[in-house]
């Protein structure tokens, strides 16, 4: 039996014991995890950010908080 098969069996066993509300949360978590697969590696993100900072591609801190305060 492969590791993946064992993991799926263990996951199925855990899911069988969850309430419907928790199943919904697990589904949402699985979807979020799948979306993070598209993220670039941390090193690549840092290097891009550093390059932008060094070339002056920055925004005033007040502007960066605009969207956060609206939410």
N, C-alpha and C. Protein backbone atom coordinates (compact mmCIF):
# COMPACT_ATOMS: atom_id res chain seq x y z
N UNK A 1 0.84 -1.17 0.00
CA UNK A 1 0.00 0.00 0.00
C UNK A 1 0.90 1.25 0.00
N UNK A 2 0.58 2.21 -0.85
CA UNK A 2 1.39 3.42 -0.94
C UNK A 2 1.12 4.35 0.24
N UNK A 3 2.05 5.26 0.46
CA UNK A 3 1.85 6.24 1.52
C UNK A 3 0.59 7.06 1.30
N UNK A 4 0.34 7.42 0.04
CA UNK A 4 -0.85 8.21 -0.28
C UNK A 4 -2.12 7.43 0.06
N UNK A 5 -2.12 6.17 -0.25
CA UNK A 5 -3.29 5.34 0.05
C UNK A 5 -3.52 5.27 1.56
N UNK A 6 -2.47 5.11 2.32
CA UNK A 6 -2.60 5.08 3.78
C UNK A 6 -3.09 6.41 4.31
N UNK A 7 -2.57 7.49 3.79
CA UNK A 7 -3.02 8.81 4.22
C UNK A 7 -4.49 9.02 3.91
N UNK A 8 -4.92 8.59 2.74
CA UNK A 8 -6.33 8.75 2.37
C UNK A 8 -7.22 7.90 3.28
N UNK A 9 -6.79 6.72 3.63
CA UNK A 9 -7.58 5.88 4.55
C UNK A 9 -7.68 6.52 5.93
N UNK A 10 -6.57 7.07 6.39
CA UNK A 10 -6.59 7.75 7.69
C UNK A 10 -7.49 8.99 7.64
N UNK A 11 -7.41 9.73 6.55
CA UNK A 11 -8.25 10.91 6.40
C UNK A 11 -9.72 10.53 6.34
N UNK A 12 -10.05 9.49 5.59
CA UNK A 12 -11.43 9.02 5.51
C UNK A 12 -11.96 8.63 6.89
N UNK A 13 -11.14 7.96 7.68
CA UNK A 13 -11.55 7.56 9.01
C UNK A 13 -11.82 8.78 9.89
N UNK A 14 -10.97 9.78 9.78
CA UNK A 14 -11.18 11.01 10.56
C UNK A 14 -12.44 11.74 10.10
N UNK A 15 -12.65 11.81 8.79
CA UNK A 15 -13.82 12.51 8.26
C UNK A 15 -15.12 11.83 8.67
N UNK A 16 -15.09 10.53 8.79
CA UNK A 16 -16.30 9.79 9.20
C UNK A 16 -16.78 10.21 10.58
N UNK A 17 -15.88 10.68 11.43
CA UNK A 17 -16.23 11.05 12.79
C UNK A 17 -16.57 12.52 12.98
N UNK A 18 -16.53 13.30 11.92
CA UNK A 18 -16.77 14.74 12.04
C UNK A 18 -18.24 15.09 11.85
N UNK A 19 -18.65 16.16 12.51
CA UNK A 19 -20.01 16.69 12.32
C UNK A 19 -20.08 17.37 10.96
N UNK A 20 -21.30 17.58 10.44
CA UNK A 20 -21.44 18.27 9.16
C UNK A 20 -20.77 19.66 9.16
N UNK A 21 -20.87 20.37 10.29
CA UNK A 21 -20.27 21.70 10.37
C UNK A 21 -18.74 21.61 10.21
N UNK A 22 -18.15 20.62 10.85
CA UNK A 22 -16.71 20.46 10.75
C UNK A 22 -16.30 19.96 9.36
N UNK A 23 -17.14 19.15 8.75
CA UNK A 23 -16.85 18.71 7.38
C UNK A 23 -16.76 19.90 6.44
N UNK A 24 -17.67 20.85 6.63
CA UNK A 24 -17.64 22.06 5.80
C UNK A 24 -16.34 22.81 6.01
N UNK A 25 -15.88 22.92 7.25
CA UNK A 25 -14.63 23.61 7.54
C UNK A 25 -13.44 22.88 6.92
N UNK A 26 -13.45 21.57 6.97
CA UNK A 26 -12.36 20.78 6.37
C UNK A 26 -12.35 20.99 4.85
N UNK A 27 -13.53 21.03 4.26
CA UNK A 27 -13.63 21.28 2.82
C UNK A 27 -13.05 22.64 2.46
N UNK A 28 -13.39 23.66 3.22
CA UNK A 28 -12.86 24.99 2.98
C UNK A 28 -11.34 25.01 3.15
N UNK A 29 -10.85 24.33 4.16
CA UNK A 29 -9.41 24.26 4.39
C UNK A 29 -8.71 23.57 3.20
N UNK A 30 -9.29 22.49 2.72
CA UNK A 30 -8.70 21.77 1.58
C UNK A 30 -8.64 22.68 0.35
N UNK A 31 -9.69 23.46 0.15
CA UNK A 31 -9.70 24.38 -0.99
C UNK A 31 -8.63 25.45 -0.84
N UNK A 32 -8.47 25.98 0.37
CA UNK A 32 -7.45 26.99 0.61
C UNK A 32 -6.05 26.41 0.41
N UNK A 33 -5.83 25.20 0.88
CA UNK A 33 -4.53 24.56 0.71
C UNK A 33 -4.20 24.36 -0.76
N UNK A 34 -5.21 23.97 -1.53
CA UNK A 34 -4.99 23.76 -2.96
C UNK A 34 -4.62 25.07 -3.65
N UNK A 35 -5.22 26.17 -3.22
CA UNK A 35 -4.90 27.47 -3.82
C UNK A 35 -3.47 27.90 -3.52
N UNK A 36 -2.94 27.50 -2.37
CA UNK A 36 -1.58 27.89 -2.02
C UNK A 36 -0.55 27.13 -2.85
N UNK A 37 -0.97 26.09 -3.55
CA UNK A 37 -0.04 25.37 -4.42
C UNK A 37 0.48 26.27 -5.52
N UNK A 38 -0.27 27.34 -5.83
CA UNK A 38 0.14 28.26 -6.89
C UNK A 38 1.13 29.31 -6.40
N UNK A 39 1.40 29.35 -5.10
CA UNK A 39 2.31 30.35 -4.56
C UNK A 39 3.75 30.05 -4.98
N UNK A 40 4.49 31.11 -5.20
CA UNK A 40 5.90 30.96 -5.50
C UNK A 40 6.66 30.63 -4.22
N UNK A 41 7.81 30.01 -4.34
CA UNK A 41 8.63 29.74 -3.15
C UNK A 41 8.98 31.04 -2.43
N UNK A 42 9.16 30.96 -1.11
CA UNK A 42 9.44 32.14 -0.29
C UNK A 42 10.66 32.89 -0.78
N UNK A 43 11.70 32.17 -1.14
CA UNK A 43 12.93 32.83 -1.61
C UNK A 43 12.65 33.67 -2.85
N UNK A 44 11.89 33.12 -3.77
CA UNK A 44 11.56 33.84 -5.00
C UNK A 44 10.73 35.09 -4.70
N UNK A 45 9.79 34.98 -3.77
CA UNK A 45 8.97 36.13 -3.39
C UNK A 45 9.83 37.20 -2.73
N UNK A 46 10.73 36.79 -1.84
CA UNK A 46 11.61 37.74 -1.19
C UNK A 46 12.49 38.46 -2.20
N UNK A 47 13.07 37.70 -3.12
CA UNK A 47 13.95 38.30 -4.12
C UNK A 47 13.20 39.31 -4.99
N UNK A 48 11.97 38.99 -5.34
CA UNK A 48 11.16 39.92 -6.12
C UNK A 48 10.86 41.18 -5.31
N UNK A 49 10.49 41.01 -4.05
CA UNK A 49 10.21 42.16 -3.18
C UNK A 49 11.43 43.03 -2.97
N UNK A 50 12.57 42.39 -2.78
CA UNK A 50 13.83 43.12 -2.58
C UNK A 50 14.16 43.93 -3.84
N UNK A 51 14.00 43.30 -4.99
CA UNK A 51 14.28 43.98 -6.25
C UNK A 51 13.38 45.21 -6.40
N UNK A 52 12.09 45.05 -6.08
CA UNK A 52 11.16 46.17 -6.18
C UNK A 52 11.53 47.28 -5.20
N UNK A 53 11.89 46.91 -3.98
CA UNK A 53 12.27 47.91 -2.97
C UNK A 53 13.52 48.66 -3.39
N UNK A 54 14.50 47.96 -3.91
CA UNK A 54 15.76 48.59 -4.31
C UNK A 54 15.59 49.49 -5.54
N UNK A 55 14.60 49.21 -6.37
CA UNK A 55 14.38 50.03 -7.56
C UNK A 55 13.36 51.15 -7.32
N UNK A 56 12.90 51.27 -6.05
CA UNK A 56 11.98 52.35 -5.71
C UNK A 56 10.52 52.05 -6.02
N UNK A 57 10.20 50.81 -6.33
CA UNK A 57 8.81 50.44 -6.60
C UNK A 57 8.10 50.20 -5.27
N UNK A 58 7.83 51.28 -4.55
CA UNK A 58 7.22 51.18 -3.23
C UNK A 58 6.00 52.07 -3.15
N UNK A 59 5.22 51.88 -2.08
CA UNK A 59 4.03 52.68 -1.82
C UNK A 59 4.13 53.25 -0.41
N UNK A 60 3.57 54.44 -0.18
CA UNK A 60 3.54 54.97 1.19
C UNK A 60 2.75 54.03 2.10
N UNK A 61 3.19 53.89 3.33
CA UNK A 61 2.54 52.98 4.27
C UNK A 61 1.06 53.31 4.44
N UNK A 62 0.71 54.59 4.40
CA UNK A 62 -0.69 54.98 4.55
C UNK A 62 -1.55 54.38 3.44
N UNK A 63 -1.00 54.30 2.25
CA UNK A 63 -1.74 53.74 1.12
C UNK A 63 -1.88 52.22 1.26
N UNK A 64 -0.89 51.57 1.82
CA UNK A 64 -0.95 50.11 1.96
C UNK A 64 -2.06 49.68 2.90
N UNK A 65 -2.41 50.53 3.87
CA UNK A 65 -3.45 50.18 4.85
C UNK A 65 -4.85 50.48 4.35
N UNK A 66 -5.01 51.18 3.23
CA UNK A 66 -6.33 51.58 2.76
C UNK A 66 -7.29 50.40 2.62
N UNK A 67 -6.92 49.37 1.93
CA UNK A 67 -7.81 48.22 1.72
C UNK A 67 -8.09 47.46 3.00
N UNK A 68 -7.13 47.42 3.90
CA UNK A 68 -7.32 46.68 5.15
C UNK A 68 -8.35 47.37 6.03
N UNK A 69 -8.32 48.69 6.10
CA UNK A 69 -9.26 49.43 6.92
C UNK A 69 -10.68 49.33 6.38
N UNK A 70 -10.83 49.17 5.08
CA UNK A 70 -12.17 49.07 4.49
C UNK A 70 -12.84 47.75 4.83
N UNK A 71 -12.06 46.70 5.06
CA UNK A 71 -12.59 45.36 5.31
C UNK A 71 -13.01 45.21 6.69
